[in-house]
Amino acid sequence: MKASDSTTKQSLNIAVLTVSDTRSKENDTSGQYLCEAATTDGHQVIEKKIVIDDKFQIRAVVSNWIAADDVQVVLITGGTGFTARDTTPEAMLPLFEKEIEGFGELFRHVSYIEIGTSTVQSRALGGMANGTAIFCMPGSTGACKTAWTGILQQQLDSTHRPCNFVVHLKNNDVNCSSRG
């Protein structure tokens, strides 16, 4: 659905990727939360996948979504910690045309309020590639809720002012208004 003006909320096409060596369709609470939150806010979840924490498998799935005409946003949960198996940042950074530094910074700020200094162990990050916004967050359902309600819900809302990410996405007709 396209928005004809800045007061009509645009429904975005979102793909969700869970990165985990242990999660399955039955116990993927983080990926399921992101799907439900996006749908509740009027977006379309057009694909959901689970891959093991392998940077090449992660990169392959996300590369296909970046190249697809219908995927505007990719939400990734998992693989952002410090263990040897956590490779989401290493998988994503080469794909980004531009990094969204503020996403990781703001995520850690909002998370700090909730969990204190443990937030320094998050390597949450975001970036843009081929008109696709990609947001990588920790694998816990709580972290996904923090990211969605504290940042993404507003930034993926085409009516949010003074600005939002929708204007930067492929296949939209939303214009960014100035801060005034």
C-alpha atoms as a PDB file:
ATOM      1  CA  MET A   1       0.000   0.000   0.000  1.00  0.00           C
ATOM      2  CA  LYS A   2       1.378   3.396  -0.931  1.00  0.00           C
ATOM      3  CA  ALA A   3       0.727   6.558   0.986  1.00  0.00           C
ATOM      4  CA  SER A   4      -0.540   9.451  -1.059  1.00  0.00           C
ATOM      5  CA  ASP A   5       0.289  12.011   1.589  1.00  0.00           C
ATOM      6  CA  SER A   6       2.193  12.328   4.842  1.00  0.00           C
ATOM      7  CA  THR A   7      -0.900  11.710   7.005  1.00  0.00           C
ATOM      8  CA  THR A   8      -1.616   8.251   5.592  1.00  0.00           C
ATOM      9  CA  LYS A   9       0.477   5.523   7.162  1.00  0.00           C
ATOM     10  CA  GLN A  10       2.281   3.370   4.606  1.00  0.00           C
ATOM     11  CA  SER A  11       2.311  -0.397   5.083  1.00  0.00           C
ATOM     12  CA  LEU A  12       5.857  -1.701   4.623  1.00  0.00           C
ATOM     13  CA  ASN A  13       6.998  -5.104   3.361  1.00  0.00           C
ATOM     14  CA  ILE A  14       9.154  -6.664   6.058  1.00  0.00           C
ATOM     15  CA  ALA A  15      11.288  -9.812   6.132  1.00  0.00           C
ATOM     16  CA  VAL A  16      12.320 -11.321   9.475  1.00  0.00           C
ATOM     17  CA  LEU A  17      15.430 -13.428   9.997  1.00  0.00           C
ATOM     18  CA  THR A  18      16.246 -15.327  13.173  1.00  0.00           C
ATOM     19  CA  VAL A  19      19.924 -16.217  13.521  1.00  0.00           C
ATOM     20  CA  SER A  20      20.331 -19.135  15.896  1.00  0.00           C
ATOM     21  CA  ASP A  21      21.859 -22.577  16.219  1.00  0.00           C
ATOM     22  CA  THR A  22      19.068 -23.666  18.592  1.00  0.00           C
ATOM     23  CA  ARG A  23      15.814 -21.962  17.585  1.00  0.00           C
ATOM     24  CA  SER A  24      13.139 -23.645  15.509  1.00  0.00           C
ATOM     25  CA  LYS A  25       9.780 -22.508  14.192  1.00  0.00           C
ATOM     26  CA  GLU A  26       8.206 -23.812  17.402  1.00  0.00           C
ATOM     27  CA  ASN A  27      10.442 -21.958  19.884  1.00  0.00           C
ATOM     28  CA  ASP A  28      11.470 -18.824  17.970  1.00  0.00           C
ATOM     29  CA  THR A  29       9.806 -16.331  20.314  1.00  0.00           C
ATOM     30  CA  SER A  30      11.948 -13.388  19.184  1.00  0.00           C
ATOM     31  CA  GLY A  31      11.223 -13.781  15.479  1.00  0.00           C
ATOM     32  CA  GLN A  32       7.576 -14.433  16.225  1.00  0.00           C
ATOM     33  CA  TYR A  33       7.398 -11.282  18.364  1.00  0.00           C
ATOM     34  CA  LEU A  34       8.842  -9.162  15.530  1.00  0.00           C
ATOM     35  CA  CYS A  35       6.339 -10.636  13.056  1.00  0.00           C
ATOM     36  CA  GLU A  36       3.414  -9.978  15.386  1.00  0.00           C
ATOM     37  CA  ALA A  37       4.573  -6.441  16.278  1.00  0.00           C
ATOM     38  CA  ALA A  38       5.055  -5.497  12.619  1.00  0.00           C
ATOM     39  CA  THR A  39       1.676  -6.941  11.631  1.00  0.00           C
ATOM     40  CA  THR A  40      -0.087  -5.254  14.543  1.00  0.00           C
ATOM     41  CA  ASP A  41       1.362  -1.925  13.357  1.00  0.00           C
ATOM     42  CA  GLY A  42      -0.072  -2.459   9.869  1.00  0.00           C
ATOM     43  CA  HIS A  43       2.958  -3.802   8.017  1.00  0.00           C
ATOM     44  CA  GLN A  44       3.181  -6.950   5.886  1.00  0.00           C
ATOM     45  CA  VAL A  45       5.590  -9.696   6.926  1.00  0.00           C
ATOM     46  CA  ILE A  46       6.295 -11.215   3.543  1.00  0.00           C
ATOM     47  CA  GLU A  47       8.922 -13.736   4.599  1.00  0.00           C
ATOM     48  CA  LYS A  48      10.380 -15.241   7.774  1.00  0.00           C
ATOM     49  CA  LYS A  49      13.379 -17.526   7.983  1.00  0.00           C
ATOM     50  CA  ILE A  50      15.676 -19.116  10.559  1.00  0.00           C
ATOM     51  CA  VAL A  51      19.353 -19.743   9.750  1.00  0.00           C
ATOM     52  CA  ILE A  52      22.247 -21.008  11.827  1.00  0.00           C
ATOM     53  CA  ASP A  53      24.791 -18.464  13.008  1.00  0.00           C
ATOM     54  CA  ASP A  54      27.016 -18.643   9.950  1.00  0.00           C
ATOM     55  CA  LYS A  55      27.971 -15.346   8.324  1.00  0.00           C
ATOM     56  CA  PHE A  56      27.763 -16.736   4.803  1.00  0.00           C
ATOM     57  CA  GLN A  57      24.287 -18.218   5.280  1.00  0.00           C
ATOM     58  CA  ILE A  58      23.113 -14.987   6.926  1.00  0.00           C
ATOM     59  CA  ARG A  59      24.621 -12.923   4.123  1.00  0.00           C
ATOM     60  CA  ALA A  60      23.051 -15.125   1.425  1.00  0.00           C
ATOM     61  CA  VAL A  61      19.513 -14.793   2.810  1.00  0.00           C
ATOM     62  CA  VAL A  62      19.785 -11.055   3.400  1.00  0.00           C
ATOM     63  CA  SER A  63      21.450 -10.446   0.013  1.00  0.00           C
ATOM     64  CA  ASN A  64      18.445 -12.039  -1.692  1.00  0.00           C
ATOM     65  CA  TRP A  65      16.073  -9.828   0.304  1.00  0.00           C
ATOM     66  CA  ILE A  66      18.101  -6.703  -0.504  1.00  0.00           C
ATOM     67  CA  ALA A  67      17.923  -7.572  -4.202  1.00  0.00           C
ATOM     68  CA  ALA A  68      14.176  -8.320  -4.105  1.00  0.00           C
ATOM     69  CA  ASP A  69      11.890  -5.541  -5.289  1.00  0.00           C
ATOM     70  CA  ASP A  70       9.285  -6.212  -2.615  1.00  0.00           C
ATOM     71  CA  VAL A  71      11.388  -6.280   0.592  1.00  0.00           C
ATOM     72  CA  GLN A  72      11.744  -2.814   2.135  1.00  0.00           C
ATOM     73  CA  VAL A  73      12.877  -3.716   5.666  1.00  0.00           C
ATOM     74  CA  VAL A  74      14.836  -6.639   7.097  1.00  0.00           C
ATOM     75  CA  LEU A  75      14.663  -7.333  10.832  1.00  0.00           C
ATOM     76  CA  ILE A  76      17.347  -9.687  12.157  1.00  0.00           C
ATOM     77  CA  THR A  77      17.303 -11.139  15.647  1.00  0.00           C
ATOM     78  CA  GLY A  78      20.298 -12.989  17.060  1.00  0.00           C
ATOM     79  CA  GLY A  79      24.015 -13.273  16.510  1.00  0.00           C
ATOM     80  CA  THR A  80      24.944  -9.846  17.880  1.00  0.00           C
ATOM     81  CA  GLY A  81      26.793 -10.946  21.019  1.00  0.00           C
ATOM     82  CA  PHE A  82      30.465 -11.692  21.638  1.00  0.00           C
ATOM     83  CA  THR A  83      30.686 -15.468  21.411  1.00  0.00           C
ATOM     84  CA  ALA A  84      32.642 -17.079  18.591  1.00  0.00           C
ATOM     85  CA  ARG A  85      29.329 -18.079  16.960  1.00  0.00           C
ATOM     86  CA  ASP A  86      27.904 -14.508  16.964  1.00  0.00           C
ATOM     87  CA  THR A  87      28.558 -13.322  13.404  1.00  0.00           C
ATOM     88  CA  THR A  88      25.605 -11.139  12.411  1.00  0.00           C
ATOM     89  CA  PRO A  89      27.597  -7.845  12.407  1.00  0.00           C
ATOM     90  CA  GLU A  90      30.398  -9.448  10.381  1.00  0.00           C
ATOM     91  CA  ALA A  91      27.819 -10.807   7.929  1.00  0.00           C
ATOM     92  CA  MET A  92      25.981  -7.511   7.504  1.00  0.00           C
ATOM     93  CA  LEU A  93      28.646  -4.801   7.480  1.00  0.00           C
ATOM     94  CA  PRO A  94      29.982  -5.695   3.990  1.00  0.00           C
ATOM     95  CA  LEU A  95      26.431  -5.479   2.593  1.00  0.00           C
ATOM     96  CA  PHE A  96      25.640  -2.005   3.928  1.00  0.00           C
ATOM     97  CA  GLU A  97      25.915   0.946   1.580  1.00  0.00           C
ATOM     98  CA  LYS A  98      25.494   3.154   4.640  1.00  0.00           C
ATOM     99  CA  GLU A  99      25.583   2.187   8.288  1.00  0.00           C
ATOM    100  CA  ILE A 100      22.862   3.566  10.545  1.00  0.00           C
ATOM    101  CA  GLU A 101      25.150   4.247  13.510  1.00  0.00           C
ATOM    102  CA  GLY A 102      22.340   5.827  15.495  1.00  0.00           C
ATOM    103  CA  PHE A 103      20.349   2.591  15.639  1.00  0.00           C
ATOM    104  CA  GLY A 104      22.977   0.718  17.651  1.00  0.00           C
ATOM    105  CA  GLU A 105      23.719   3.759  19.782  1.00  0.00           C
ATOM    106  CA  LEU A 106      20.064   4.403  20.579  1.00  0.00           C
ATOM    107  CA  PHE A 107      19.349   0.709  21.145  1.00  0.00           C
ATOM    108  CA  ARG A 108      22.102   0.542  23.752  1.00  0.00           C
ATOM    109  CA  HIS A 109      20.833   3.743  25.388  1.00  0.00           C
ATOM    110  CA  VAL A 110      17.250   2.481  25.639  1.00  0.00           C
ATOM    111  CA  SER A 111      18.505  -0.935  26.711  1.00  0.00           C
ATOM    112  CA  TYR A 112      20.738   0.603  29.396  1.00  0.00           C
ATOM    113  CA  ILE A 113      17.640   2.004  31.078  1.00  0.00           C
ATOM    114  CA  GLU A 114      16.202  -1.524  31.199  1.00  0.00           C
ATOM    115  CA  ILE A 115      19.219  -3.775  31.896  1.00  0.00           C
ATOM    116  CA  GLY A 116      22.049  -1.488  32.970  1.00  0.00           C
ATOM    117  CA  THR A 117      25.630  -1.945  31.884  1.00  0.00           C
ATOM    118  CA  SER A 118      25.001  -5.398  30.401  1.00  0.00           C
ATOM    119  CA  THR A 119      23.914  -3.520  27.273  1.00  0.00           C
ATOM    120  CA  VAL A 120      27.589  -3.002  26.328  1.00  0.00           C
ATOM    121  CA  GLN A 121      27.600  -6.644  25.260  1.00  0.00           C
ATOM    122  CA  SER A 122      25.151  -5.891  22.441  1.00  0.00           C
ATOM    123  CA  ARG A 123      26.504  -5.285  18.966  1.00  0.00           C
ATOM    124  CA  ALA A 124      23.113  -4.187  17.623  1.00  0.00           C
ATOM    125  CA  LEU A 125      23.481  -2.347  14.326  1.00  0.00           C
ATOM    126  CA  GLY A 126      21.587  -1.068  11.346  1.00  0.00           C
ATOM    127  CA  GLY A 127      22.273  -0.166   7.743  1.00  0.00           C
ATOM    128  CA  MET A 128      20.864   0.634   4.329  1.00  0.00           C
ATOM    129  CA  ALA A 129      21.419  -1.320   1.109  1.00  0.00           C
ATOM    130  CA  ASN A 130      19.562  -0.933  -2.198  1.00  0.00           C
ATOM    131  CA  GLY A 131      16.720   1.006  -0.572  1.00  0.00           C
ATOM    132  CA  THR A 132      16.326  -1.662   2.130  1.00  0.00           C
ATOM    133  CA  ALA A 133      16.656  -0.828   5.827  1.00  0.00           C
ATOM    134  CA  ILE A 134      18.303  -3.608   7.855  1.00  0.00           C
ATOM    135  CA  PHE A 135      18.141  -3.675  11.641  1.00  0.00           C
ATOM    136  CA  CYS A 136      20.084  -6.267  13.666  1.00  0.00           C
ATOM    137  CA  MET A 137      19.184  -6.805  17.292  1.00  0.00           C
ATOM    138  CA  PRO A 138      19.991  -9.330  20.011  1.00  0.00           C
ATOM    139  CA  GLY A 139      18.253 -12.687  20.072  1.00  0.00           C
ATOM    140  CA  SER A 140      16.254 -12.265  23.260  1.00  0.00           C
ATOM    141  CA  THR A 141      12.573 -11.486  22.975  1.00  0.00           C
ATOM    142  CA  GLY A 142      13.041  -8.675  25.506  1.00  0.00           C
ATOM    143  CA  ALA A 143      15.696  -7.044  23.322  1.00  0.00           C
ATOM    144  CA  CYS A 144      13.404  -7.293  20.291  1.00  0.00           C
ATOM    145  CA  LYS A 145      10.611  -5.619  22.270  1.00  0.00           C
ATOM    146  CA  THR A 146      13.034  -2.876  23.319  1.00  0.00           C
ATOM    147  CA  ALA A 147      14.114  -2.300  19.722  1.00  0.00           C
ATOM    148  CA  TRP A 148      10.581  -2.351  18.334  1.00  0.00           C
ATOM    149  CA  THR A 149       8.838  -0.191  20.918  1.00  0.00           C
ATOM    150  CA  GLY A 150      11.784   2.097  21.604  1.00  0.00           C
ATOM    151  CA  ILE A 151      12.939   2.762  18.020  1.00  0.00           C
ATOM    152  CA  LEU A 152      11.535   0.792  15.095  1.00  0.00           C
ATOM    153  CA  GLN A 153       7.829   1.331  15.693  1.00  0.00           C
ATOM    154  CA  GLN A 154       8.297   5.076  15.194  1.00  0.00           C
ATOM    155  CA  GLN A 155      11.018   4.996  12.560  1.00  0.00           C
ATOM    156  CA  LEU A 156       9.038   2.593  10.341  1.00  0.00           C
ATOM    157  CA  ASP A 157       5.917   4.767  10.632  1.00  0.00           C
ATOM    158  CA  SER A 158       5.625   7.009   7.561  1.00  0.00           C
ATOM    159  CA  THR A 159       3.632   9.554   9.588  1.00  0.00           C
ATOM    160  CA  HIS A 160       6.268   9.945  12.321  1.00  0.00           C
ATOM    161  CA  ARG A 161       7.751  13.446  12.381  1.00  0.00           C
ATOM    162  CA  PRO A 162      10.073  15.179  11.989  1.00  0.00           C
ATOM    163  CA  CYS A 163      11.499  12.236  10.008  1.00  0.00           C
ATOM    164  CA  ASN A 164      11.473   8.469   9.601  1.00  0.00           C
ATOM    165  CA  PHE A 165      13.169   5.796   7.511  1.00  0.00           C
ATOM    166  CA  VAL A 166      10.267   5.208   5.128  1.00  0.00           C
ATOM    167  CA  VAL A 167      11.362   8.059   2.858  1.00  0.00           C
ATOM    168  CA  HIS A 168      14.641   6.197   2.206  1.00  0.00           C
ATOM    169  CA  LEU A 169      13.048   2.871   1.246  1.00  0.00           C
ATOM    170  CA  LYS A 170      12.486   1.523  -2.245  1.00  0.00           C
ATOM    171  CA  ASN A 171       8.946   1.531  -3.618  1.00  0.00           C
ATOM    172  CA  ASN A 172       7.454   4.314  -1.513  1.00  0.00           C
ATOM    173  CA  ASP A 173       6.076   7.755  -2.226  1.00  0.00           C
ATOM    174  CA  VAL A 174       6.554   9.372   1.171  1.00  0.00           C
ATOM    175  CA  ASN A 175       8.390  12.665   1.360  1.00  0.00           C
ATOM    176  CA  CYS A 176      10.333  13.779   4.410  1.00  0.00           C
ATOM    177  CA  SER A 177       9.178  17.056   5.899  1.00  0.00           C
ATOM    178  CA  SER A 178      11.710  19.427   7.333  1.00  0.00           C
ATOM    179  CA  ARG A 179      12.106  19.891  11.039  1.00  0.00           C
ATOM    180  CA  GLY A 180      10.667  23.373  10.633  1.00  0.00           C
END
